[in-house]
């Protein structure tokens, strides 16, 4: 069995089995975020080689056979040109083929698998809610542009979009805001910088992704050691 699986082979195997990504994740017990990143072409195959072996084994146990070993796949180029077809992009409404420059980004290595899974779950939940909100009919207001109900939907959609930005920043190591400290959580008004204020604003987001728990555990350890030393 080959040690490498290509995204094309994985998608092809799923199609033959009639499986969605969610089906593969549920039936195999393998990491959700790794499958999504891998099939999207944003994962470094060398960095997840053991995972790809497990994924290939899962497909083979489902009856999928790979006639030839997959060719070696190099890590995605961060500045690779990608070709795709845009539907209805021409003046006459016909599809137009274009080349775009794609910037490949890799997941933050400082995050644990549990944290990555939690962030992906929150991203997907937010995305699903945004899709539902986007389909809600907008109601005009009597004096204002929109009705009170539509304003509430707009406010909720705006909050979700903000969350998505923070989550993607965390996932790709681009977030410049650290999880709030225990002191900030108890006394938000003690925020000394805008960064502190942002951290407290998104405290629930950090908590749901597991990053806040890690910060709290990190803070608790020194306190315990100091108390033991004082007792001695």
Protein backbone atom coordinates (compact mmCIF):
# COMPACT_ATOMS: atom_id res chain seq x y z
CA UNK A 1 0.00 0.00 0.00
CA UNK A 2 1.25 3.41 -0.90
CA UNK A 3 2.12 5.79 1.90
CA UNK A 4 0.46 8.75 0.19
CA UNK A 5 -3.06 9.51 -0.95
CA UNK A 6 -3.92 12.40 -3.22
CA UNK A 7 -6.92 14.70 -2.67
CA UNK A 8 -8.29 13.55 -6.03
CA UNK A 9 -8.12 9.91 -4.96
CA UNK A 10 -9.84 10.67 -1.68
CA UNK A 11 -12.67 12.55 -3.36
CA UNK A 12 -12.97 9.81 -5.99
CA UNK A 13 -13.16 7.10 -3.33
CA UNK A 14 -15.88 9.02 -1.50
CA UNK A 15 -17.90 9.40 -4.69
CA UNK A 16 -17.71 5.66 -5.40
CA UNK A 17 -18.90 4.92 -1.87
CA UNK A 18 -21.53 7.64 -1.94
CA UNK A 19 -19.95 9.19 1.17
CA UNK A 20 -19.82 12.83 2.13
CA UNK A 21 -16.90 14.15 4.15
CA UNK A 22 -19.12 13.92 7.22
CA UNK A 23 -19.79 10.23 6.45
CA UNK A 24 -16.08 9.46 6.21
CA UNK A 25 -15.37 11.31 9.44
CA UNK A 26 -18.17 9.51 11.29
CA UNK A 27 -17.41 6.02 9.97
CA UNK A 28 -13.63 6.22 10.21
CA UNK A 29 -13.27 8.20 13.42
CA UNK A 30 -10.51 10.21 11.74
CA UNK A 31 -9.87 13.91 12.22
CA UNK A 32 -12.43 16.17 10.55
CA UNK A 33 -10.25 19.21 9.98
CA UNK A 34 -7.43 17.17 8.43
CA UNK A 35 -9.74 15.61 5.85
CA UNK A 36 -11.19 18.99 4.91
CA UNK A 37 -7.80 20.63 4.66
CA UNK A 38 -6.35 17.70 2.70
CA UNK A 39 -9.14 17.51 0.12
CA UNK A 40 -9.06 21.29 -0.29
CA UNK A 41 -5.36 21.14 -1.11
CA UNK A 42 -4.26 23.21 1.90
CA UNK A 43 -2.58 20.43 3.88
CA UNK A 44 1.07 19.47 3.68
CA UNK A 45 0.96 15.74 2.71
CA UNK A 46 4.33 15.08 4.31
CA UNK A 47 3.14 16.57 7.57
CA UNK A 48 0.07 14.32 7.76
CA UNK A 49 1.55 11.15 6.23
CA UNK A 50 0.37 8.87 9.11
CA UNK A 51 -3.14 10.30 8.75
CA UNK A 52 -3.15 9.62 5.00
CA UNK A 53 -2.15 6.01 5.61
CA UNK A 54 -5.12 5.61 7.96
CA UNK A 55 -7.45 7.28 5.48
CA UNK A 56 -6.28 5.04 2.63
CA UNK A 57 -6.68 1.96 4.81
CA UNK A 58 -10.24 3.04 5.65
CA UNK A 59 -11.13 3.34 1.96
CA UNK A 60 -9.61 -0.05 1.19
CA UNK A 61 -11.61 -1.69 3.98
CA UNK A 62 -14.72 -0.23 2.35
CA UNK A 63 -13.83 -2.10 -0.84
CA UNK A 64 -12.00 0.66 -2.69
CA UNK A 65 -8.94 -0.46 -4.64
CA UNK A 66 -6.24 1.85 -5.92
CA UNK A 67 -4.85 0.34 -9.13
CA UNK A 68 -1.58 2.23 -9.03
CA UNK A 69 0.39 3.80 -6.20
CA UNK A 70 -0.40 7.51 -6.14
CA UNK A 71 2.37 9.75 -7.49
CA UNK A 72 4.43 11.70 -4.97
CA UNK A 73 2.71 14.93 -4.11
CA UNK A 74 4.80 17.89 -3.12
CA UNK A 75 3.69 20.44 -0.58
CA UNK A 76 1.37 23.06 -2.08
CA UNK A 77 3.13 26.11 -3.42
CA UNK A 78 2.21 29.17 -1.37
CA UNK A 79 2.10 31.21 -4.59
CA UNK A 80 0.65 28.63 -6.99
CA UNK A 81 -1.45 29.66 -9.98
CA UNK A 82 -4.77 27.83 -10.05
CA UNK A 83 -7.05 27.39 -13.06
CA UNK A 84 -10.80 27.30 -12.66
CA UNK A 85 -13.99 28.03 -14.56
CA UNK A 86 -16.28 30.83 -13.41
CA UNK A 87 -19.95 30.23 -14.20
CA UNK A 88 -21.63 32.98 -16.22
CA UNK A 89 -18.59 35.23 -16.17
CA UNK A 90 -18.69 36.33 -19.81
CA UNK A 91 -20.71 39.11 -21.36
CA UNK A 92 -22.99 36.55 -22.98
CA UNK A 93 -23.41 34.63 -19.72
CA UNK A 94 -21.20 31.70 -20.75
CA UNK A 95 -18.57 30.21 -18.39
CA UNK A 96 -15.16 31.88 -18.49
CA UNK A 97 -11.87 30.15 -17.71
CA UNK A 98 -9.46 32.18 -15.63
CA UNK A 99 -6.14 31.78 -13.85
CA UNK A 100 -5.90 32.99 -10.27
CA UNK A 101 -3.02 33.20 -7.84
CA UNK A 102 -3.78 31.24 -4.69
CA UNK A 103 -2.01 31.84 -1.41
CA UNK A 104 -1.73 28.56 0.49
CA UNK A 105 -1.92 28.82 4.27
CA UNK A 106 -1.16 26.10 6.78
CA UNK A 107 -2.80 25.55 10.13
CA UNK A 108 -1.22 26.96 13.26
CA UNK A 109 1.04 24.25 14.70
CA UNK A 110 0.65 25.64 18.22
CA UNK A 111 -2.99 24.47 18.32
CA UNK A 112 -3.85 20.99 19.55
CA UNK A 113 -6.04 18.69 17.46
CA UNK A 114 -8.86 19.21 19.96
CA UNK A 115 -8.61 22.98 19.55
CA UNK A 116 -8.55 22.71 15.76
CA UNK A 117 -11.61 20.46 15.76
CA UNK A 118 -13.44 22.88 18.08
CA UNK A 119 -12.59 25.86 15.87
CA UNK A 120 -13.70 24.04 12.72
CA UNK A 121 -16.98 23.03 14.38
CA UNK A 122 -17.65 26.63 15.38
CA UNK A 123 -16.77 27.88 11.88
CA UNK A 124 -19.19 25.43 10.29
CA UNK A 125 -21.97 26.22 12.77
CA UNK A 126 -21.53 29.94 12.11
CA UNK A 127 -21.48 29.36 8.36
CA UNK A 128 -24.72 27.36 8.49
CA UNK A 129 -26.41 30.06 10.56
CA UNK A 130 -25.19 32.77 8.17
CA UNK A 131 -26.65 30.85 5.23
CA UNK A 132 -30.02 30.70 6.95
CA UNK A 133 -29.90 34.39 7.82
CA UNK A 134 -28.94 35.29 4.25
CA UNK A 135 -32.13 33.64 2.97
CA UNK A 136 -34.45 35.52 5.35
CA UNK A 137 -36.54 38.13 3.48
CA UNK A 138 -35.61 41.71 4.37
CA UNK A 139 -38.47 43.82 5.68
CA UNK A 140 -38.62 47.56 5.12
CA UNK A 141 -39.17 49.83 8.07
CA UNK A 142 -41.72 52.64 8.33
CA UNK A 143 -39.18 55.40 8.98
CA UNK A 144 -35.93 53.45 9.09
CA UNK A 145 -34.48 51.48 6.14
CA UNK A 146 -35.33 48.12 7.75
CA UNK A 147 -37.80 46.74 10.25
CA UNK A 148 -36.81 45.88 13.81
CA UNK A 149 -36.78 42.17 12.95
CA UNK A 150 -34.47 42.69 9.98
CA UNK A 151 -32.18 44.91 12.06
CA UNK A 152 -31.85 42.05 14.57
CA UNK A 153 -30.93 39.64 11.77
CA UNK A 154 -28.36 42.12 10.47
CA UNK A 155 -26.84 42.53 13.93
CA UNK A 156 -26.61 38.77 14.38
CA UNK A 157 -25.05 38.29 10.93
CA UNK A 158 -22.49 41.01 11.69
CA UNK A 159 -21.53 39.31 14.96
CA UNK A 160 -21.12 35.98 13.18
CA UNK A 161 -18.93 37.52 10.48
CA UNK A 162 -16.72 39.05 13.17
CA UNK A 163 -16.44 35.65 14.87
CA UNK A 164 -15.46 34.00 11.60
CA UNK A 165 -12.60 36.45 11.20
CA UNK A 166 -11.27 35.76 14.68
CA UNK A 167 -11.65 31.99 14.23
CA UNK A 168 -9.79 31.95 10.93
CA UNK A 169 -7.07 34.06 12.52
CA UNK A 170 -6.72 31.55 15.34
CA UNK A 171 -6.74 28.60 12.95
CA UNK A 172 -4.00 29.95 10.70
CA UNK A 173 -1.91 31.58 13.39
CA UNK A 174 -2.82 35.09 12.22
CA UNK A 175 -4.70 36.24 15.33
CA UNK A 176 -2.83 38.98 17.19
CA UNK A 177 -5.12 38.83 20.22
CA UNK A 178 -4.33 36.44 23.06
CA UNK A 179 -6.95 34.70 25.19
CA UNK A 180 -8.07 36.94 28.07
CA UNK A 181 -6.43 36.46 31.46
CA UNK A 182 -8.38 35.39 34.52
CA UNK A 183 -8.09 38.93 35.90
CA UNK A 184 -9.57 40.41 32.72
CA UNK A 185 -12.48 37.99 32.79
CA UNK A 186 -13.33 39.04 36.34
CA UNK A 187 -12.73 42.76 35.74
CA UNK A 188 -13.24 43.63 32.02
CA UNK A 189 -12.95 47.35 32.81
CA UNK A 190 -9.29 46.79 33.70
CA UNK A 191 -8.46 46.26 30.04
CA UNK A 192 -5.32 48.33 29.42
CA UNK A 193 -5.22 48.02 25.62
CA UNK A 194 -7.59 47.55 22.72
CA UNK A 195 -6.18 44.02 22.48
CA UNK A 196 -7.34 43.32 26.04
CA UNK A 197 -10.79 44.71 25.21
CA UNK A 198 -11.05 42.50 22.11
CA UNK A 199 -9.98 39.46 24.14
CA UNK A 200 -12.75 40.01 26.70
CA UNK A 201 -15.30 40.68 23.94
CA UNK A 202 -14.58 37.32 22.36
CA UNK A 203 -14.04 35.45 25.64
CA UNK A 204 -16.77 32.91 24.84
CA UNK A 205 -15.15 32.24 21.49
CA UNK A 206 -11.80 31.52 23.13
CA UNK A 207 -13.56 29.36 25.72
CA UNK A 208 -15.45 27.29 23.16
CA UNK A 209 -12.25 26.64 21.19
CA UNK A 210 -10.47 25.42 24.31
CA UNK A 211 -7.87 28.18 24.25
CA UNK A 212 -9.27 29.87 27.33
CA UNK A 213 -9.11 26.66 29.35
CA UNK A 214 -5.47 26.25 28.37
CA UNK A 215 -4.77 29.82 29.49
CA UNK A 216 -6.58 29.30 32.82
CA UNK A 217 -4.70 26.05 33.46
CA UNK A 218 -1.45 27.84 32.69
CA UNK A 219 -2.31 30.56 35.20
CA UNK A 220 -3.41 28.17 37.94
CA UNK A 221 -0.16 26.18 38.06
CA UNK A 222 2.13 28.97 39.33
CA UNK A 223 -0.47 30.01 41.93
CA UNK A 224 -0.53 26.48 43.36
CA UNK A 225 3.24 26.32 43.55
CA UNK A 226 3.39 29.67 45.34
CA UNK A 227 0.82 28.55 47.91
CA UNK A 228 2.76 25.35 48.60
CA UNK A 229 5.98 27.29 49.09
CA UNK A 230 4.25 29.73 51.45
CA UNK A 231 2.87 26.84 53.51
CA UNK A 232 6.37 25.36 53.90
